[in-house]
Amino acid sequence: THTQSVFFEQQLRFFERLFIKGGVRVDDHSVFGTQVTERGSVAFMIKETGTRLRGGAGTGFRAPTLNDLFFPTFSSPDLKPEKSFSWEAGLDQTFWGERIRLGLTYFYNKFEDLIRFVPITVFPFVAAVNVARARTEGIEATGEIDILRNLVGSVNYTYTDSEDLGTGRWLAREPQHRWNIGLTWEPFRRLSLFAQVHVVTRQFESEQVGYNSGHTRVDI
């Protein structure tokens, strides 16, 4: 397969307070034809209080990868491209001379022919499929603090409510809760050390399997 693309984006700035951005992309895919996607966003700064209000919306297109289509055992050459519409709105706030940075975002995504890997009862026990229609929505909260000049702590939490609109069930392997907690230390210039804990709660697998137990990963 091959894809040829053209992308145009325009950014506007007014009085260092209002920021508007819009873009359009045209993809000519050798298998799935020509697709047009758009994206726009706006942000407003209240400098006196360290507040930023923001929002955005756009459409999306994702063609199946070669692995999705042709990898031995779990692929499907009949997969269709994935299309989506999404929007979000959020608020960012700083405190203590911008040493504390907080953010809150609400997001909504709607998919057609979402490409997912789902469990099956025969080898290789997983298969690539198109979910006819699906949606995800939720909130994401972020926080960052400069503990010292060279030590930064961070935490973010994402709550996701997902649904396969054909079955009314959760999307397979889409966790409801995600946590990331980390520290980054720069003992001297050009050296950065970090540790991060990534926590994912249980996820729906299938009607036969039920839910898995989730997992925790530590990166250093």
N, C-alpha and C. Protein backbone atom coordinates (compact mmCIF):
# COMPACT_ATOMS: atom_id res chain seq x y z
N THR A 1 0.85 -1.19 0.00
CA THR A 1 0.00 0.00 0.00
C THR A 1 0.88 1.24 0.00
N HIS A 2 0.33 2.33 -0.47
CA HIS A 2 1.02 3.62 -0.35
C HIS A 2 -0.02 4.71 -0.17
N THR A 3 0.39 5.79 0.48
CA THR A 3 -0.50 6.91 0.76
C THR A 3 0.20 8.22 0.39
N GLN A 4 -0.50 9.05 -0.33
CA GLN A 4 -0.03 10.41 -0.61
C GLN A 4 -0.95 11.39 0.13
N SER A 5 -0.37 12.37 0.79
CA SER A 5 -1.16 13.25 1.65
C SER A 5 -0.80 14.72 1.44
N VAL A 6 -1.78 15.57 1.66
CA VAL A 6 -1.59 17.02 1.68
C VAL A 6 -2.22 17.54 2.97
N PHE A 7 -1.48 18.43 3.67
CA PHE A 7 -1.98 18.95 4.94
C PHE A 7 -1.81 20.46 4.96
N PHE A 8 -2.86 21.16 5.38
CA PHE A 8 -2.81 22.62 5.51
C PHE A 8 -3.30 23.00 6.90
N GLU A 9 -2.58 23.93 7.53
CA GLU A 9 -2.96 24.39 8.87
C GLU A 9 -2.76 25.90 8.97
N GLN A 10 -3.70 26.55 9.63
CA GLN A 10 -3.61 28.00 9.85
C GLN A 10 -3.76 28.27 11.34
N GLN A 11 -2.86 29.09 11.87
CA GLN A 11 -2.93 29.48 13.28
C GLN A 11 -3.08 31.00 13.37
N LEU A 12 -3.99 31.43 14.22
CA LEU A 12 -4.25 32.85 14.44
C LEU A 12 -4.07 33.17 15.91
N ARG A 13 -3.51 34.35 16.19
CA ARG A 13 -3.26 34.77 17.57
C ARG A 13 -3.71 36.22 17.71
N PHE A 14 -4.50 36.49 18.74
CA PHE A 14 -5.03 37.84 18.96
C PHE A 14 -4.68 38.31 20.37
N PHE A 15 -3.93 39.41 20.45
CA PHE A 15 -3.63 40.08 21.73
C PHE A 15 -2.94 39.16 22.73
N GLU A 16 -2.28 38.10 22.25
CA GLU A 16 -1.60 37.14 23.15
C GLU A 16 -2.57 36.51 24.15
N ARG A 17 -3.85 36.48 23.80
CA ARG A 17 -4.85 35.89 24.69
C ARG A 17 -5.71 34.84 23.98
N LEU A 18 -6.08 35.11 22.75
CA LEU A 18 -6.96 34.22 22.00
C LEU A 18 -6.17 33.54 20.89
N PHE A 19 -6.22 32.19 20.89
CA PHE A 19 -5.46 31.40 19.92
C PHE A 19 -6.43 30.47 19.19
N ILE A 20 -6.43 30.56 17.87
CA ILE A 20 -7.33 29.76 17.04
C ILE A 20 -6.49 28.99 16.03
N LYS A 21 -6.80 27.70 15.88
CA LYS A 21 -6.05 26.87 14.94
C LYS A 21 -7.02 25.97 14.18
N GLY A 22 -6.82 25.85 12.88
CA GLY A 22 -7.65 24.98 12.07
C GLY A 22 -6.81 24.31 11.00
N GLY A 23 -7.18 23.09 10.65
CA GLY A 23 -6.41 22.37 9.65
C GLY A 23 -7.27 21.38 8.89
N VAL A 24 -6.80 21.01 7.70
CA VAL A 24 -7.47 20.00 6.89
C VAL A 24 -6.40 19.12 6.25
N ARG A 25 -6.69 17.84 6.14
CA ARG A 25 -5.75 16.87 5.58
C ARG A 25 -6.48 16.02 4.55
N VAL A 26 -5.83 15.79 3.43
CA VAL A 26 -6.37 14.92 2.38
C VAL A 26 -5.40 13.76 2.20
N ASP A 27 -5.88 12.53 2.39
CA ASP A 27 -5.09 11.32 2.20
C ASP A 27 -5.61 10.55 0.99
N ASP A 28 -4.71 10.22 0.09
CA ASP A 28 -5.05 9.38 -1.06
C ASP A 28 -4.42 8.02 -0.84
N HIS A 29 -5.22 7.06 -0.36
CA HIS A 29 -4.74 5.73 -0.01
C HIS A 29 -4.93 4.79 -1.20
N SER A 30 -3.90 4.01 -1.50
CA SER A 30 -3.95 3.17 -2.70
C SER A 30 -5.01 2.09 -2.64
N VAL A 31 -5.45 1.72 -1.44
CA VAL A 31 -6.47 0.67 -1.30
C VAL A 31 -7.83 1.27 -0.93
N PHE A 32 -7.85 2.24 -0.02
CA PHE A 32 -9.11 2.72 0.53
C PHE A 32 -9.55 4.08 -0.02
N GLY A 33 -8.85 4.60 -1.02
CA GLY A 33 -9.31 5.80 -1.70
C GLY A 33 -8.95 7.09 -0.98
N THR A 34 -9.62 8.17 -1.37
CA THR A 34 -9.33 9.51 -0.85
C THR A 34 -10.20 9.82 0.36
N GLN A 35 -9.56 10.30 1.42
CA GLN A 35 -10.25 10.64 2.64
C GLN A 35 -9.86 12.06 3.07
N VAL A 36 -10.83 12.84 3.53
CA VAL A 36 -10.59 14.21 3.99
C VAL A 36 -10.93 14.30 5.48
N THR A 37 -10.01 14.80 6.28
CA THR A 37 -10.25 14.98 7.72
C THR A 37 -9.95 16.43 8.10
N GLU A 38 -10.64 16.91 9.13
CA GLU A 38 -10.49 18.30 9.57
C GLU A 38 -10.29 18.34 11.08
N ARG A 39 -9.67 19.42 11.54
CA ARG A 39 -9.45 19.61 12.96
C ARG A 39 -9.40 21.09 13.27
N GLY A 40 -10.06 21.52 14.35
CA GLY A 40 -10.02 22.91 14.78
C GLY A 40 -9.94 23.00 16.29
N SER A 41 -9.31 24.06 16.78
CA SER A 41 -9.21 24.25 18.23
C SER A 41 -9.15 25.74 18.55
N VAL A 42 -9.51 26.06 19.78
CA VAL A 42 -9.47 27.45 20.25
C VAL A 42 -9.03 27.45 21.71
N ALA A 43 -8.25 28.44 22.09
CA ALA A 43 -7.81 28.57 23.48
C ALA A 43 -7.83 30.05 23.86
N PHE A 44 -8.21 30.32 25.12
CA PHE A 44 -8.27 31.69 25.62
C PHE A 44 -7.50 31.78 26.93
N MET A 45 -6.54 32.71 26.99
CA MET A 45 -5.70 32.87 28.16
C MET A 45 -6.21 34.01 29.04
N ILE A 46 -6.28 33.75 30.34
CA ILE A 46 -6.54 34.81 31.32
C ILE A 46 -5.24 34.95 32.12
N LYS A 47 -4.37 35.81 31.66
CA LYS A 47 -3.02 35.90 32.22
C LYS A 47 -3.02 36.32 33.68
N GLU A 48 -3.98 37.15 34.04
CA GLU A 48 -4.01 37.67 35.41
C GLU A 48 -4.18 36.56 36.44
N THR A 49 -4.86 35.49 36.07
CA THR A 49 -5.11 34.39 37.01
C THR A 49 -4.36 33.11 36.65
N GLY A 50 -3.60 33.10 35.55
CA GLY A 50 -2.90 31.90 35.12
C GLY A 50 -3.83 30.82 34.62
N THR A 51 -4.94 31.22 33.97
CA THR A 51 -5.97 30.29 33.53
C THR A 51 -5.99 30.20 32.01
N ARG A 52 -6.19 29.00 31.49
CA ARG A 52 -6.37 28.81 30.06
C ARG A 52 -7.59 27.94 29.81
N LEU A 53 -8.55 28.45 29.03
CA LEU A 53 -9.73 27.70 28.61
C LEU A 53 -9.48 27.22 27.18
N ARG A 54 -9.85 25.97 26.87
CA ARG A 54 -9.53 25.43 25.55
C ARG A 54 -10.59 24.42 25.11
N GLY A 55 -10.65 24.22 23.82
CA GLY A 55 -11.56 23.23 23.25
C GLY A 55 -11.16 22.92 21.82
N GLY A 56 -11.64 21.80 21.32
CA GLY A 56 -11.31 21.42 19.95
C GLY A 56 -12.22 20.31 19.47
N ALA A 57 -12.25 20.12 18.16
CA ALA A 57 -13.05 19.06 17.55
C ALA A 57 -12.44 18.70 16.21
N GLY A 58 -12.71 17.47 15.77
CA GLY A 58 -12.17 17.07 14.48
C GLY A 58 -12.62 15.68 14.08
N THR A 59 -12.31 15.33 12.85
CA THR A 59 -12.60 14.01 12.32
C THR A 59 -11.30 13.24 12.14
N GLY A 60 -11.41 11.91 12.05
CA GLY A 60 -10.22 11.08 11.91
C GLY A 60 -10.43 9.93 10.94
N PHE A 61 -9.32 9.45 10.39
CA PHE A 61 -9.32 8.32 9.46
C PHE A 61 -8.07 7.50 9.74
N ARG A 62 -8.23 6.18 9.89
CA ARG A 62 -7.07 5.30 10.09
C ARG A 62 -7.27 4.03 9.28
N ALA A 63 -6.39 3.83 8.32
CA ALA A 63 -6.45 2.62 7.51
C ALA A 63 -5.85 1.45 8.29
N PRO A 64 -6.33 0.23 8.06
CA PRO A 64 -5.70 -0.93 8.70
C PRO A 64 -4.23 -1.02 8.31
N THR A 65 -3.38 -1.40 9.26
CA THR A 65 -1.96 -1.58 8.96
C THR A 65 -1.75 -2.89 8.20
N LEU A 66 -0.55 -3.08 7.68
CA LEU A 66 -0.26 -4.34 6.99
C LEU A 66 -0.36 -5.53 7.95
N ASN A 67 0.04 -5.32 9.22
CA ASN A 67 -0.12 -6.39 10.21
C ASN A 67 -1.60 -6.70 10.44
N ASP A 68 -2.43 -5.64 10.55
CA ASP A 68 -3.87 -5.86 10.73
C ASP A 68 -4.44 -6.70 9.59
N LEU A 69 -3.95 -6.47 8.38
CA LEU A 69 -4.52 -7.12 7.20
C LEU A 69 -3.92 -8.50 6.92
N PHE A 70 -2.59 -8.65 7.15
CA PHE A 70 -1.92 -9.83 6.59
C PHE A 70 -1.04 -10.62 7.55
N PHE A 71 -0.88 -10.18 8.81
CA PHE A 71 -0.01 -10.94 9.70
C PHE A 71 -0.58 -12.34 9.90
N PRO A 72 0.25 -13.39 9.83
CA PRO A 72 -0.27 -14.76 9.96
C PRO A 72 -1.07 -14.96 11.26
N THR A 73 -2.14 -15.65 11.14
CA THR A 73 -3.04 -16.16 12.20
C THR A 73 -4.06 -15.15 12.71
N PHE A 74 -3.66 -13.93 13.12
CA PHE A 74 -4.66 -13.08 13.78
C PHE A 74 -5.20 -11.95 12.90
N SER A 75 -4.71 -11.80 11.67
CA SER A 75 -5.10 -10.67 10.82
C SER A 75 -6.40 -10.97 10.09
N SER A 76 -6.90 -9.94 9.39
CA SER A 76 -8.11 -10.10 8.57
C SER A 76 -8.00 -9.20 7.35
N PRO A 77 -7.90 -9.77 6.14
CA PRO A 77 -7.79 -8.95 4.93
C PRO A 77 -9.08 -8.21 4.58
N ASP A 78 -10.16 -8.49 5.31
CA ASP A 78 -11.45 -7.84 5.03
C ASP A 78 -11.70 -6.60 5.89
N LEU A 79 -10.71 -6.19 6.69
CA LEU A 79 -10.90 -5.03 7.55
C LEU A 79 -11.17 -3.77 6.74
N LYS A 80 -12.04 -2.92 7.29
CA LYS A 80 -12.33 -1.62 6.69
C LYS A 80 -11.56 -0.53 7.43
N PRO A 81 -11.36 0.62 6.83
CA PRO A 81 -10.70 1.72 7.56
C PRO A 81 -11.58 2.24 8.68
N GLU A 82 -10.93 2.76 9.69
CA GLU A 82 -11.60 3.30 10.88
C GLU A 82 -11.84 4.80 10.69
N LYS A 83 -13.04 5.26 11.01
CA LYS A 83 -13.36 6.68 10.93
C LYS A 83 -13.87 7.14 12.29
N SER A 84 -13.63 8.41 12.60
CA SER A 84 -14.00 8.89 13.94
C SER A 84 -14.33 10.38 13.92
N PHE A 85 -15.06 10.77 14.96
CA PHE A 85 -15.30 12.19 15.26
C PHE A 85 -15.05 12.38 16.74
N SER A 86 -14.35 13.44 17.10
CA SER A 86 -14.02 13.66 18.51
C SER A 86 -14.10 15.14 18.84
N TRP A 87 -14.38 15.39 20.12
CA TRP A 87 -14.30 16.76 20.62
C TRP A 87 -13.87 16.74 22.08
N GLU A 88 -13.34 17.86 22.53
CA GLU A 88 -12.88 17.94 23.91
C GLU A 88 -12.97 19.39 24.39
N ALA A 89 -13.03 19.55 25.69
CA ALA A 89 -13.04 20.87 26.32
C ALA A 89 -12.27 20.76 27.62
N GLY A 90 -11.50 21.80 27.92
CA GLY A 90 -10.67 21.68 29.11
C GLY A 90 -10.28 23.01 29.71
N LEU A 91 -9.62 22.90 30.86
CA LEU A 91 -9.19 24.05 31.65
C LEU A 91 -7.81 23.75 32.21
N ASP A 92 -6.89 24.70 32.07
CA ASP A 92 -5.56 24.61 32.68
C ASP A 92 -5.39 25.75 33.66
N GLN A 93 -4.72 25.46 34.78
CA GLN A 93 -4.54 26.48 35.81
C GLN A 93 -3.15 26.34 36.43
N THR A 94 -2.48 27.48 36.64
CA THR A 94 -1.18 27.47 37.30
C THR A 94 -1.27 28.21 38.63
N PHE A 95 -0.39 27.79 39.56
CA PHE A 95 -0.30 28.43 40.88
C PHE A 95 1.18 28.60 41.25
N TRP A 96 1.39 29.37 42.29
CA TRP A 96 2.71 29.46 42.92
C TRP A 96 3.79 29.83 41.88
N GLY A 97 3.52 30.90 41.12
CA GLY A 97 4.48 31.33 40.12
C GLY A 97 4.72 30.29 39.04
N GLU A 98 3.66 29.56 38.66
CA GLU A 98 3.69 28.51 37.64
C GLU A 98 4.49 27.28 38.06
N ARG A 99 4.79 27.15 39.34
CA ARG A 99 5.46 25.94 39.82
C ARG A 99 4.48 24.78 39.97
N ILE A 100 3.19 25.09 40.11
CA ILE A 100 2.15 24.06 40.14
C ILE A 100 1.28 24.25 38.90
N ARG A 101 1.11 23.16 38.11
CA ARG A 101 0.36 23.21 36.87
C ARG A 101 -0.71 22.11 36.88
N LEU A 102 -1.97 22.51 36.76
CA LEU A 102 -3.08 21.56 36.81
C LEU A 102 -3.89 21.66 35.52
N GLY A 103 -4.51 20.53 35.13
CA GLY A 103 -5.35 20.51 33.93
C GLY A 103 -6.50 19.54 34.09
N LEU A 104 -7.63 19.88 33.47
CA LEU A 104 -8.80 19.01 33.48
C LEU A 104 -9.43 19.04 32.09
N THR A 105 -9.70 17.86 31.52
CA THR A 105 -10.23 17.76 30.16
C THR A 105 -11.38 16.76 30.12
N TYR A 106 -12.46 17.14 29.42
CA TYR A 106 -13.53 16.20 29.09
C TYR A 106 -13.38 15.86 27.61
N PHE A 107 -13.49 14.57 27.27
CA PHE A 107 -13.33 14.18 25.87
C PHE A 107 -14.46 13.22 25.45
N TYR A 108 -14.75 13.25 24.16
CA TYR A 108 -15.77 12.37 23.58
C TYR A 108 -15.29 11.93 22.19
N ASN A 109 -15.35 10.64 21.94
CA ASN A 109 -14.94 10.07 20.65
C ASN A 109 -16.03 9.12 20.15
N LYS A 110 -16.38 9.23 18.87
CA LYS A 110 -17.33 8.32 18.26
C LYS A 110 -16.68 7.68 17.05
N PHE A 111 -16.78 6.36 16.95
CA PHE A 111 -16.07 5.61 15.91
C PHE A 111 -17.05 4.84 15.02
N GLU A 112 -16.66 4.71 13.77
CA GLU A 112 -17.29 3.76 12.84
C GLU A 112 -16.20 2.80 12.37
N ASP A 113 -16.51 1.51 12.40
CA ASP A 113 -15.56 0.47 11.98
C ASP A 113 -14.25 0.54 12.78
N LEU A 114 -14.38 0.78 14.08
CA LEU A 114 -13.22 0.80 14.97
C LEU A 114 -12.46 -0.52 14.87
N ILE A 115 -11.14 -0.45 14.69
CA ILE A 115 -10.31 -1.65 14.58
C ILE A 115 -9.84 -2.05 15.97
N ARG A 116 -10.21 -3.27 16.38
CA ARG A 116 -9.84 -3.76 17.70
C ARG A 116 -9.34 -5.19 17.60
N PHE A 117 -8.53 -5.61 18.58
CA PHE A 117 -8.14 -7.01 18.72
C PHE A 117 -8.97 -7.61 19.85
N VAL A 118 -9.72 -8.64 19.54
CA VAL A 118 -10.64 -9.23 20.51
C VAL A 118 -10.28 -10.68 20.77
N PRO A 119 -10.54 -11.19 21.97
CA PRO A 119 -10.26 -12.59 22.28
C PRO A 119 -11.21 -13.52 21.53
N ILE A 120 -10.70 -14.67 21.10
CA ILE A 120 -11.51 -15.72 20.51
C ILE A 120 -11.15 -17.04 21.19
N THR A 121 -11.95 -18.08 20.96
CA THR A 121 -11.79 -19.34 21.71
C THR A 121 -10.85 -20.32 21.04
N VAL A 122 -10.34 -20.02 19.85
CA VAL A 122 -9.42 -20.91 19.15
C VAL A 122 -8.10 -20.19 18.89
N PHE A 123 -7.06 -20.97 18.58
CA PHE A 123 -5.75 -20.38 18.32
C PHE A 123 -5.84 -19.40 17.16
N PRO A 124 -5.19 -18.24 17.24
CA PRO A 124 -4.24 -17.76 18.26
C PRO A 124 -4.90 -17.01 19.41
N PHE A 125 -6.22 -17.21 19.60
CA PHE A 125 -6.98 -16.66 20.73
C PHE A 125 -7.16 -15.14 20.68
N VAL A 126 -6.83 -14.53 19.56
CA VAL A 126 -7.08 -13.10 19.36
C VAL A 126 -7.26 -12.87 17.86
N ALA A 127 -8.12 -11.90 17.51
CA ALA A 127 -8.38 -11.61 16.11
C ALA A 127 -8.66 -10.13 15.92
N ALA A 128 -8.30 -9.62 14.74
CA ALA A 128 -8.58 -8.23 14.40
C ALA A 128 -9.97 -8.14 13.78
N VAL A 129 -10.79 -7.22 14.30
CA VAL A 129 -12.16 -7.06 13.80
C VAL A 129 -12.50 -5.58 13.70
N ASN A 130 -13.53 -5.28 12.91
CA ASN A 130 -14.13 -3.95 12.91
C ASN A 130 -15.34 -3.95 13.84
N VAL A 131 -15.34 -3.05 14.82
CA VAL A 131 -16.53 -2.82 15.64
C VAL A 131 -17.39 -1.81 14.89
N ALA A 132 -18.62 -2.18 14.54
CA ALA A 132 -19.43 -1.36 13.65
C ALA A 132 -19.51 0.09 14.13
N ARG A 133 -19.94 0.28 15.37
CA ARG A 133 -20.01 1.63 15.94
C ARG A 133 -19.62 1.55 17.41
N ALA A 134 -18.88 2.54 17.85
CA ALA A 134 -18.43 2.55 19.25
C ALA A 134 -18.22 3.98 19.69
N ARG A 135 -18.17 4.17 21.02
CA ARG A 135 -17.89 5.50 21.56
C ARG A 135 -17.07 5.36 22.82
N THR A 136 -16.27 6.38 23.08
CA THR A 136 -15.56 6.51 24.35
C THR A 136 -15.71 7.96 24.82
N GLU A 137 -15.84 8.13 26.12
CA GLU A 137 -15.89 9.48 26.68
C GLU A 137 -15.39 9.43 28.10
N GLY A 138 -14.94 10.56 28.59
CA GLY A 138 -14.44 10.56 29.96
C GLY A 138 -13.74 11.85 30.32
N ILE A 139 -12.97 11.78 31.39
CA ILE A 139 -12.24 12.95 31.86
C ILE A 139 -10.79 12.58 32.09
N GLU A 140 -9.93 13.56 31.94
CA GLU A 140 -8.51 13.38 32.25
C GLU A 140 -8.06 14.54 33.12
N ALA A 141 -7.43 14.22 34.25
CA ALA A 141 -6.90 15.23 35.16
C ALA A 141 -5.38 15.08 35.21
N THR A 142 -4.68 16.20 35.11
CA THR A 142 -3.22 16.18 35.14
C THR A 142 -2.72 17.15 36.19
N GLY A 143 -1.58 16.84 36.77
CA GLY A 143 -0.96 17.72 37.74
C GLY A 143 0.55 17.60 37.68
N GLU A 144 1.23 18.71 37.84
CA GLU A 144 2.69 18.74 37.81
C GLU A 144 3.17 19.79 38.79
N ILE A 145 4.22 19.48 39.54
CA ILE A 145 4.75 20.43 40.52
C ILE A 145 6.27 20.42 40.49
N ASP A 146 6.86 21.60 40.50
CA ASP A 146 8.31 21.73 40.60
C ASP A 146 8.67 21.68 42.08
N ILE A 147 9.02 20.49 42.56
CA ILE A 147 9.35 20.32 43.97
C ILE A 147 10.63 21.07 44.31
N LEU A 148 11.62 20.91 43.46
CA LEU A 148 12.87 21.66 43.52
C LEU A 148 13.16 22.19 42.12
N ARG A 149 14.20 22.96 41.98
CA ARG A 149 14.55 23.48 40.67
C ARG A 149 14.79 22.37 39.66
N ASN A 150 15.30 21.22 40.14
CA ASN A 150 15.65 20.12 39.24
C ASN A 150 14.87 18.84 39.54
N LEU A 151 13.76 18.96 40.29
CA LEU A 151 12.96 17.79 40.65
C LEU A 151 11.49 18.10 40.40
N VAL A 152 10.86 17.31 39.51
CA VAL A 152 9.47 17.55 39.11
C VAL A 152 8.65 16.30 39.40
N GLY A 153 7.53 16.49 40.08
CA GLY A 153 6.58 15.40 40.31
C GLY A 153 5.37 15.57 39.41
N SER A 154 4.81 14.45 38.95
CA SER A 154 3.65 14.52 38.05
C SER A 154 2.68 13.39 38.36
N VAL A 155 1.41 13.66 38.08
CA VAL A 155 0.37 12.64 38.22
C VAL A 155 -0.72 12.94 37.19
N ASN A 156 -1.24 11.90 36.58
CA ASN A 156 -2.42 12.08 35.75
C ASN A 156 -3.34 10.88 35.89
N TYR A 157 -4.61 11.15 35.74
CA TYR A 157 -5.65 10.13 35.91
C TYR A 157 -6.65 10.27 34.76
N THR A 158 -7.01 9.15 34.16
CA THR A 158 -8.00 9.15 33.07
C THR A 158 -9.12 8.18 33.39
N TYR A 159 -10.35 8.68 33.36
CA TYR A 159 -11.53 7.83 33.47
C TYR A 159 -12.16 7.73 32.09
N THR A 160 -12.37 6.50 31.60
CA THR A 160 -12.93 6.28 30.27
C THR A 160 -14.16 5.39 30.36
N ASP A 161 -15.26 5.89 29.83
CA ASP A 161 -16.49 5.11 29.70
C ASP A 161 -16.60 4.73 28.23
N SER A 162 -16.54 3.44 27.93
CA SER A 162 -16.55 2.99 26.54
C SER A 162 -17.74 2.07 26.30
N GLU A 163 -18.16 2.00 25.04
CA GLU A 163 -19.30 1.15 24.70
C GLU A 163 -19.24 0.71 23.24
N ASP A 164 -19.40 -0.57 23.02
CA ASP A 164 -19.67 -1.11 21.69
C ASP A 164 -21.16 -0.89 21.46
N LEU A 165 -21.52 0.03 20.57
CA LEU A 165 -22.91 0.41 20.40
C LEU A 165 -23.75 -0.70 19.78
N GLY A 166 -23.11 -1.73 19.24
CA GLY A 166 -23.86 -2.87 18.70
C GLY A 166 -24.28 -3.85 19.76
N THR A 167 -23.43 -4.02 20.80
CA THR A 167 -23.72 -5.01 21.84
C THR A 167 -24.10 -4.37 23.17
N GLY A 168 -23.78 -3.08 23.35
CA GLY A 168 -24.03 -2.43 24.63
C GLY A 168 -23.02 -2.79 25.69
N ARG A 169 -21.96 -3.52 25.35
CA ARG A 169 -20.93 -3.91 26.30
C ARG A 169 -19.74 -2.95 26.23
N TRP A 170 -18.86 -3.04 27.26
CA TRP A 170 -17.61 -2.30 27.22
C TRP A 170 -16.79 -2.72 26.01
N LEU A 171 -15.96 -1.82 25.50
CA LEU A 171 -15.00 -2.21 24.47
C LEU A 171 -13.95 -3.12 25.08
N ALA A 172 -13.59 -4.16 24.35
CA ALA A 172 -12.62 -5.13 24.86
C ALA A 172 -11.28 -4.45 25.11
N ARG A 173 -10.70 -4.73 26.28
CA ARG A 173 -9.37 -4.27 26.67
C ARG A 173 -9.25 -2.75 26.70
N GLU A 174 -10.34 -2.08 27.04
CA GLU A 174 -10.32 -0.62 27.23
C GLU A 174 -10.53 -0.36 28.72
N PRO A 175 -9.46 -0.02 29.47
CA PRO A 175 -9.61 0.13 30.93
C PRO A 175 -10.45 1.35 31.29
N GLN A 176 -11.16 1.23 32.39
CA GLN A 176 -11.99 2.34 32.86
C GLN A 176 -11.15 3.38 33.61
N HIS A 177 -10.10 2.93 34.29
CA HIS A 177 -9.26 3.84 35.07
C HIS A 177 -7.80 3.64 34.71
N ARG A 178 -7.10 4.75 34.50
CA ARG A 178 -5.65 4.73 34.27
C ARG A 178 -5.00 5.78 35.17
N TRP A 179 -3.87 5.40 35.78
CA TRP A 179 -3.09 6.31 36.61
C TRP A 179 -1.64 6.32 36.13
N ASN A 180 -1.02 7.48 36.15
CA ASN A 180 0.42 7.61 35.95
C ASN A 180 0.97 8.55 37.01
N ILE A 181 1.94 8.07 37.78
CA ILE A 181 2.54 8.85 38.84
C ILE A 181 4.05 8.81 38.64
N GLY A 182 4.70 9.97 38.59
CA GLY A 182 6.12 9.96 38.27
C GLY A 182 6.93 11.06 38.93
N LEU A 183 8.24 10.85 38.93
CA LEU A 183 9.23 11.83 39.38
C LEU A 183 10.32 11.92 38.33
N THR A 184 10.75 13.14 38.04
CA THR A 184 11.87 13.37 37.12
C THR A 184 12.91 14.23 37.82
N TRP A 185 14.16 13.78 37.81
CA TRP A 185 15.24 14.46 38.50
C TRP A 185 16.38 14.70 37.53
N GLU A 186 16.89 15.93 37.51
CA GLU A 186 18.05 16.27 36.70
C GLU A 186 19.20 16.67 37.63
N PRO A 187 20.02 15.70 38.04
CA PRO A 187 21.11 16.01 38.98
C PRO A 187 22.10 17.02 38.40
N PHE A 188 22.30 17.00 37.09
CA PHE A 188 23.08 18.02 36.40
C PHE A 188 22.64 18.03 34.94
N ARG A 189 23.05 19.08 34.24
CA ARG A 189 22.60 19.24 32.86
C ARG A 189 23.00 18.04 32.01
N ARG A 190 22.13 17.69 31.08
CA ARG A 190 22.33 16.60 30.13
C ARG A 190 22.13 15.22 30.75
N LEU A 191 21.68 15.16 32.01
CA LEU A 191 21.34 13.87 32.60
C LEU A 191 19.97 13.99 33.27
N SER A 192 19.03 13.17 32.83
CA SER A 192 17.67 13.17 33.39
C SER A 192 17.33 11.76 33.83
N LEU A 193 16.93 11.61 35.10
CA LEU A 193 16.52 10.33 35.66
C LEU A 193 15.04 10.40 36.00
N PHE A 194 14.31 9.31 35.77
CA PHE A 194 12.88 9.34 36.07
C PHE A 194 12.40 7.97 36.54
N ALA A 195 11.30 8.00 37.26
CA ALA A 195 10.60 6.78 37.65
C ALA A 195 9.11 7.06 37.50
N GLN A 196 8.39 6.10 36.94
CA GLN A 196 6.96 6.29 36.71
C GLN A 196 6.21 4.98 36.97
N VAL A 197 5.10 5.12 37.68
CA VAL A 197 4.21 3.98 37.94
C VAL A 197 2.95 4.15 37.08
N HIS A 198 2.67 3.14 36.28
CA HIS A 198 1.52 3.15 35.38
C HIS A 198 0.55 2.07 35.83
N VAL A 199 -0.65 2.49 36.24
CA VAL A 199 -1.65 1.57 36.79
C VAL A 199 -2.87 1.53 35.88
N VAL A 200 -3.27 0.34 35.49
CA VAL A 200 -4.44 0.13 34.63
C VAL A 200 -5.38 -0.83 35.34
N THR A 201 -6.66 -0.45 35.50
CA THR A 201 -7.62 -1.31 36.19
C THR A 201 -8.13 -2.41 35.26
N ARG A 202 -8.99 -3.25 35.78
CA ARG A 202 -9.49 -4.39 35.02
C ARG A 202 -10.17 -3.95 33.73
N GLN A 203 -10.19 -4.86 32.76
CA GLN A 203 -10.76 -4.58 31.45
C GLN A 203 -11.64 -5.74 31.01
N PHE A 204 -12.69 -5.42 30.30
CA PHE A 204 -13.57 -6.44 29.74
C PHE A 204 -12.84 -7.16 28.62
N GLU A 205 -12.88 -8.51 28.66
CA GLU A 205 -12.23 -9.31 27.62
C GLU A 205 -13.26 -9.84 26.61
N SER A 206 -14.20 -10.62 27.10
CA SER A 206 -15.23 -11.20 26.23
C SER A 206 -16.32 -11.79 27.11
N GLU A 207 -17.41 -12.19 26.49
CA GLU A 207 -18.50 -12.84 27.22
C GLU A 207 -18.02 -14.11 27.88
N GLN A 208 -17.13 -14.85 27.22
CA GLN A 208 -16.66 -16.13 27.76
C GLN A 208 -15.65 -15.93 28.88
N VAL A 209 -14.74 -14.98 28.71
CA VAL A 209 -13.64 -14.78 29.67
C VAL A 209 -14.04 -13.87 30.82
N GLY A 210 -14.89 -12.86 30.51
CA GLY A 210 -15.26 -11.87 31.53
C GLY A 210 -14.24 -10.75 31.57
N TYR A 211 -13.71 -10.44 32.76
CA TYR A 211 -12.77 -9.33 32.93
C TYR A 211 -11.40 -9.86 33.32
N ASN A 212 -10.35 -9.17 32.84
CA ASN A 212 -9.02 -9.48 33.35
C ASN A 212 -8.78 -8.65 34.62
N SER A 213 -7.63 -8.80 35.22
CA SER A 213 -7.37 -8.18 36.53
C SER A 213 -6.65 -6.85 36.44
N GLY A 214 -6.35 -6.37 35.21
CA GLY A 214 -5.57 -5.15 35.09
C GLY A 214 -4.11 -5.39 35.38
N HIS A 215 -3.29 -4.32 35.40
CA HIS A 215 -1.87 -4.50 35.66
C HIS A 215 -1.24 -3.21 36.14
N THR A 216 -0.06 -3.33 36.71
CA THR A 216 0.75 -2.19 37.13
C THR A 216 2.14 -2.35 36.53
N ARG A 217 2.66 -1.27 35.96
CA ARG A 217 4.00 -1.31 35.35
C ARG A 217 4.84 -0.17 35.93
N VAL A 218 6.08 -0.45 36.24
CA VAL A 218 7.01 0.56 36.76
C VAL A 218 8.12 0.77 35.73
N ASP A 219 8.29 2.00 35.29
CA ASP A 219 9.37 2.36 34.37
C ASP A 219 10.40 3.19 35.11
N ILE A 220 11.67 2.88 34.88
CA ILE A 220 12.76 3.61 35.52
C ILE A 220 13.81 3.94 34.48
